[in-house]
Each structure stands twice: as C-alpha cells, then as structure tokens.
Amino acid sequence: MTPEEQPEYRSADGKPMVATTPRDVVHIRLGSFALVATIGIGVLGFVAGLTWLTVLMALLTVAAIVDIALAVRRQSHARKGTTTEAG
C-alpha cells in the first residue's frame, strides 16, 4: 500500500495526525518563514544593486531549503510511536 492510499489518522478532535516530533514542526515552520523573508530581502537587494546582500540572502535561502528538507526527511523516517497533531 502506498502512502497516498493509507488512511489518514485523526485525533479525537478530528485533527490530522502524522508521525513527527515538535522539533521537526518547528524546523519546517521557521524554515518556511525564513525562506519567504530571505527571498524577499534578496529581491530587494537585487533591485537596489546590493550584490553582497543578494548573495548573502541566496546562501541563507539555500540553508533554509536544506534545513526544511532534512526536517521532512526526519519526519518521514520517524518512529511509529511519535504521532502528534499536525499543525
């Protein structure tokens, strides 16, 4: 059975449940906020002609993407006993 065909677990409140840890959730949420911020500041730096700022924001964007990807990977390989509410 593929992950798409597996039934979604729900809590008593009806919220979706996933195998994750609070650490992974924080990494994904803060990483996505950082991703939006660094892209925005990088675009502003590009428009203003500040090459150093654009390069710095590009590096931070890559770091945020890697952090999110590692958190998602940890989440998908989590032990079955670490089910918590999603969101």
N, C-alpha and C. Protein backbone atom coordinates (compact mmCIF):
# COMPACT_ATOMS: atom_id res chain seq x y z
N MET A 1 0.84 -1.17 0.00
CA MET A 1 0.00 0.00 0.00
C MET A 1 0.89 1.24 0.00
N THR A 2 0.67 2.15 -0.91
CA THR A 2 1.47 3.37 -0.99
C THR A 2 1.01 4.37 0.06
N PRO A 3 1.87 5.36 0.42
CA PRO A 3 1.47 6.35 1.43
C PRO A 3 0.19 7.11 1.05
N GLU A 4 -0.05 7.28 -0.24
CA GLU A 4 -1.25 8.01 -0.66
C GLU A 4 -2.52 7.20 -0.40
N GLU A 5 -2.40 5.87 -0.40
CA GLU A 5 -3.56 5.01 -0.20
C GLU A 5 -3.84 4.72 1.28
N GLN A 6 -2.87 5.01 2.15
CA GLN A 6 -3.05 4.71 3.56
C GLN A 6 -4.04 5.69 4.17
N PRO A 7 -4.88 5.21 5.07
CA PRO A 7 -5.84 6.12 5.70
C PRO A 7 -5.13 7.13 6.59
N GLU A 8 -5.68 8.33 6.66
CA GLU A 8 -5.11 9.38 7.49
C GLU A 8 -5.62 9.21 8.91
N TYR A 9 -4.71 9.20 9.87
CA TYR A 9 -5.10 9.07 11.27
C TYR A 9 -5.61 10.42 11.75
N ARG A 10 -6.61 10.41 12.59
CA ARG A 10 -7.19 11.63 13.14
C ARG A 10 -7.27 11.52 14.66
N SER A 11 -7.11 12.67 15.33
CA SER A 11 -7.22 12.70 16.78
C SER A 11 -8.69 12.68 17.19
N ALA A 12 -8.93 12.70 18.48
CA ALA A 12 -10.31 12.71 18.98
C ALA A 12 -11.03 13.99 18.54
N ASP A 13 -10.26 15.06 18.32
CA ASP A 13 -10.84 16.33 17.87
C ASP A 13 -11.07 16.35 16.37
N GLY A 14 -10.59 15.35 15.66
CA GLY A 14 -10.75 15.30 14.21
C GLY A 14 -9.59 15.92 13.46
N LYS A 15 -8.51 16.31 14.16
CA LYS A 15 -7.34 16.90 13.50
C LYS A 15 -6.47 15.80 12.91
N PRO A 16 -5.84 16.07 11.75
CA PRO A 16 -4.95 15.06 11.16
C PRO A 16 -3.77 14.76 12.07
N MET A 17 -3.35 13.51 12.09
CA MET A 17 -2.21 13.09 12.89
C MET A 17 -1.12 12.57 11.96
N VAL A 18 0.12 12.95 12.24
CA VAL A 18 1.25 12.50 11.45
C VAL A 18 2.38 12.06 12.37
N ALA A 19 3.27 11.24 11.85
CA ALA A 19 4.44 10.82 12.61
C ALA A 19 5.48 11.93 12.54
N THR A 20 5.59 12.70 13.60
CA THR A 20 6.52 13.82 13.63
C THR A 20 6.89 14.15 15.06
N THR A 21 7.87 15.01 15.22
CA THR A 21 8.25 15.49 16.53
C THR A 21 8.08 17.01 16.53
N PRO A 22 7.94 17.62 17.69
CA PRO A 22 7.81 19.08 17.74
C PRO A 22 9.02 19.78 17.11
N ARG A 23 10.18 19.16 17.23
CA ARG A 23 11.38 19.75 16.65
C ARG A 23 11.26 19.86 15.13
N ASP A 24 10.74 18.81 14.49
CA ASP A 24 10.57 18.84 13.05
C ASP A 24 9.56 19.91 12.64
N VAL A 25 8.48 20.02 13.39
CA VAL A 25 7.47 21.02 13.09
C VAL A 25 8.05 22.42 13.19
N VAL A 26 8.84 22.68 14.21
CA VAL A 26 9.46 23.99 14.38
C VAL A 26 10.42 24.28 13.24
N HIS A 27 11.22 23.30 12.86
CA HIS A 27 12.16 23.50 11.76
C HIS A 27 11.43 23.82 10.46
N ILE A 28 10.34 23.13 10.20
CA ILE A 28 9.60 23.36 8.95
C ILE A 28 8.94 24.73 8.97
N ARG A 29 8.29 25.08 10.08
CA ARG A 29 7.59 26.36 10.15
C ARG A 29 8.54 27.55 10.15
N LEU A 30 9.57 27.52 10.98
CA LEU A 30 10.52 28.63 10.99
C LEU A 30 11.32 28.69 9.69
N GLY A 31 11.61 27.52 9.13
CA GLY A 31 12.32 27.49 7.85
C GLY A 31 11.51 28.10 6.73
N SER A 32 10.21 27.84 6.72
CA SER A 32 9.38 28.43 5.67
C SER A 32 9.25 29.93 5.84
N PHE A 33 9.19 30.40 7.08
CA PHE A 33 9.18 31.85 7.33
C PHE A 33 10.49 32.47 6.87
N ALA A 34 11.61 31.83 7.22
CA ALA A 34 12.91 32.34 6.81
C ALA A 34 13.06 32.32 5.29
N LEU A 35 12.49 31.32 4.66
CA LEU A 35 12.56 31.22 3.21
C LEU A 35 11.87 32.41 2.54
N VAL A 36 10.69 32.73 3.00
CA VAL A 36 9.96 33.87 2.44
C VAL A 36 10.73 35.17 2.69
N ALA A 37 11.23 35.34 3.92
CA ALA A 37 11.95 36.57 4.26
C ALA A 37 13.24 36.72 3.46
N THR A 38 14.01 35.65 3.34
CA THR A 38 15.29 35.76 2.62
C THR A 38 15.08 36.00 1.13
N ILE A 39 14.06 35.39 0.56
CA ILE A 39 13.79 35.64 -0.86
C ILE A 39 13.36 37.08 -1.06
N GLY A 40 12.50 37.59 -0.19
CA GLY A 40 12.06 38.98 -0.30
C GLY A 40 13.20 39.97 -0.15
N ILE A 41 14.02 39.77 0.86
CA ILE A 41 15.16 40.67 1.08
C ILE A 41 16.17 40.53 -0.05
N GLY A 42 16.35 39.32 -0.55
CA GLY A 42 17.27 39.11 -1.68
C GLY A 42 16.82 39.83 -2.93
N VAL A 43 15.51 39.80 -3.19
CA VAL A 43 14.98 40.52 -4.36
C VAL A 43 15.17 42.02 -4.18
N LEU A 44 14.90 42.53 -2.99
CA LEU A 44 15.11 43.95 -2.73
C LEU A 44 16.58 44.33 -2.88
N GLY A 45 17.48 43.47 -2.41
CA GLY A 45 18.91 43.72 -2.58
C GLY A 45 19.31 43.73 -4.04
N PHE A 46 18.71 42.84 -4.83
CA PHE A 46 19.00 42.80 -6.27
C PHE A 46 18.52 44.06 -6.96
N VAL A 47 17.30 44.50 -6.61
CA VAL A 47 16.74 45.72 -7.22
C VAL A 47 17.57 46.94 -6.83
N ALA A 48 18.06 46.97 -5.58
CA ALA A 48 18.85 48.10 -5.10
C ALA A 48 20.29 48.04 -5.59
N GLY A 49 20.69 46.94 -6.20
CA GLY A 49 22.05 46.81 -6.70
C GLY A 49 23.06 46.44 -5.64
N LEU A 50 22.60 45.87 -4.53
CA LEU A 50 23.49 45.45 -3.46
C LEU A 50 23.83 43.98 -3.65
N THR A 51 24.90 43.74 -4.37
CA THR A 51 25.28 42.37 -4.72
C THR A 51 25.57 41.54 -3.48
N TRP A 52 26.25 42.12 -2.51
CA TRP A 52 26.60 41.37 -1.30
C TRP A 52 25.36 40.91 -0.55
N LEU A 53 24.33 41.76 -0.51
CA LEU A 53 23.11 41.38 0.17
C LEU A 53 22.37 40.26 -0.59
N THR A 54 22.37 40.36 -1.91
CA THR A 54 21.73 39.34 -2.73
C THR A 54 22.42 37.99 -2.55
N VAL A 55 23.74 37.98 -2.54
CA VAL A 55 24.50 36.73 -2.37
C VAL A 55 24.27 36.16 -0.97
N LEU A 56 24.28 37.03 0.04
CA LEU A 56 24.05 36.57 1.41
C LEU A 56 22.66 35.95 1.56
N MET A 57 21.66 36.59 0.99
CA MET A 57 20.30 36.05 1.07
C MET A 57 20.15 34.76 0.27
N ALA A 58 20.87 34.64 -0.84
CA ALA A 58 20.84 33.40 -1.61
C ALA A 58 21.42 32.25 -0.79
N LEU A 59 22.51 32.51 -0.08
CA LEU A 59 23.12 31.48 0.77
C LEU A 59 22.17 31.09 1.91
N LEU A 60 21.54 32.08 2.53
CA LEU A 60 20.60 31.79 3.60
C LEU A 60 19.36 31.05 3.09
N THR A 61 18.95 31.36 1.86
CA THR A 61 17.82 30.65 1.25
C THR A 61 18.16 29.18 1.05
N VAL A 62 19.34 28.91 0.55
CA VAL A 62 19.78 27.53 0.36
C VAL A 62 19.85 26.80 1.70
N ALA A 63 20.35 27.49 2.73
CA ALA A 63 20.43 26.87 4.06
C ALA A 63 19.03 26.55 4.60
N ALA A 64 18.07 27.44 4.38
CA ALA A 64 16.70 27.20 4.84
C ALA A 64 16.08 26.02 4.09
N ILE A 65 16.33 25.93 2.79
CA ILE A 65 15.80 24.82 1.99
C ILE A 65 16.37 23.49 2.47
N VAL A 66 17.67 23.46 2.74
CA VAL A 66 18.31 22.23 3.23
C VAL A 66 17.75 21.85 4.60
N ASP A 67 17.56 22.84 5.47
CA ASP A 67 17.02 22.56 6.80
C ASP A 67 15.60 22.00 6.72
N ILE A 68 14.77 22.58 5.86
CA ILE A 68 13.40 22.07 5.69
C ILE A 68 13.42 20.66 5.12
N ALA A 69 14.28 20.43 4.15
CA ALA A 69 14.36 19.10 3.53
C ALA A 69 14.81 18.05 4.55
N LEU A 70 15.77 18.39 5.40
CA LEU A 70 16.22 17.44 6.42
C LEU A 70 15.12 17.18 7.46
N ALA A 71 14.36 18.21 7.82
CA ALA A 71 13.27 18.03 8.78
C ALA A 71 12.18 17.13 8.19
N VAL A 72 11.86 17.33 6.93
CA VAL A 72 10.85 16.49 6.28
C VAL A 72 11.35 15.05 6.19
N ARG A 73 12.63 14.89 5.91
CA ARG A 73 13.20 13.55 5.83
C ARG A 73 13.17 12.85 7.19
N ARG A 74 13.52 13.60 8.25
CA ARG A 74 13.44 13.03 9.61
C ARG A 74 12.00 12.66 9.94
N GLN A 75 11.07 13.52 9.51
CA GLN A 75 9.66 13.27 9.79
C GLN A 75 9.18 12.00 9.11
N SER A 76 9.62 11.78 7.87
CA SER A 76 9.17 10.59 7.14
C SER A 76 9.81 9.32 7.67
N HIS A 77 10.95 9.44 8.35
CA HIS A 77 11.62 8.26 8.90
C HIS A 77 11.42 8.14 10.41
N ALA A 78 10.47 8.88 10.96
CA ALA A 78 10.25 8.88 12.40
C ALA A 78 9.71 7.53 12.86
N ARG A 79 9.95 7.24 14.11
CA ARG A 79 9.41 6.01 14.70
C ARG A 79 7.89 6.12 14.74
N LYS A 80 7.25 4.99 14.73
CA LYS A 80 5.79 4.97 14.70
C LYS A 80 5.16 5.48 16.00
N GLY A 81 5.92 5.51 17.09
CA GLY A 81 5.36 5.95 18.36
C GLY A 81 5.36 7.45 18.57
N THR A 82 5.82 8.24 17.60
CA THR A 82 5.93 9.68 17.78
C THR A 82 4.81 10.42 17.07
N THR A 83 3.61 9.87 17.07
CA THR A 83 2.49 10.52 16.39
C THR A 83 1.96 11.67 17.23
N THR A 84 1.91 12.85 16.62
CA THR A 84 1.37 14.04 17.28
C THR A 84 0.45 14.75 16.30
N GLU A 85 -0.23 15.77 16.80
CA GLU A 85 -1.12 16.51 15.92
C GLU A 85 -0.32 17.28 14.88
N ALA A 86 -0.86 17.33 13.68
CA ALA A 86 -0.23 18.10 12.61
C ALA A 86 -0.79 19.50 12.64
N GLY A 87 0.07 20.49 12.87
CA GLY A 87 -0.41 21.87 12.87
C GLY A 87 -0.90 22.19 14.20
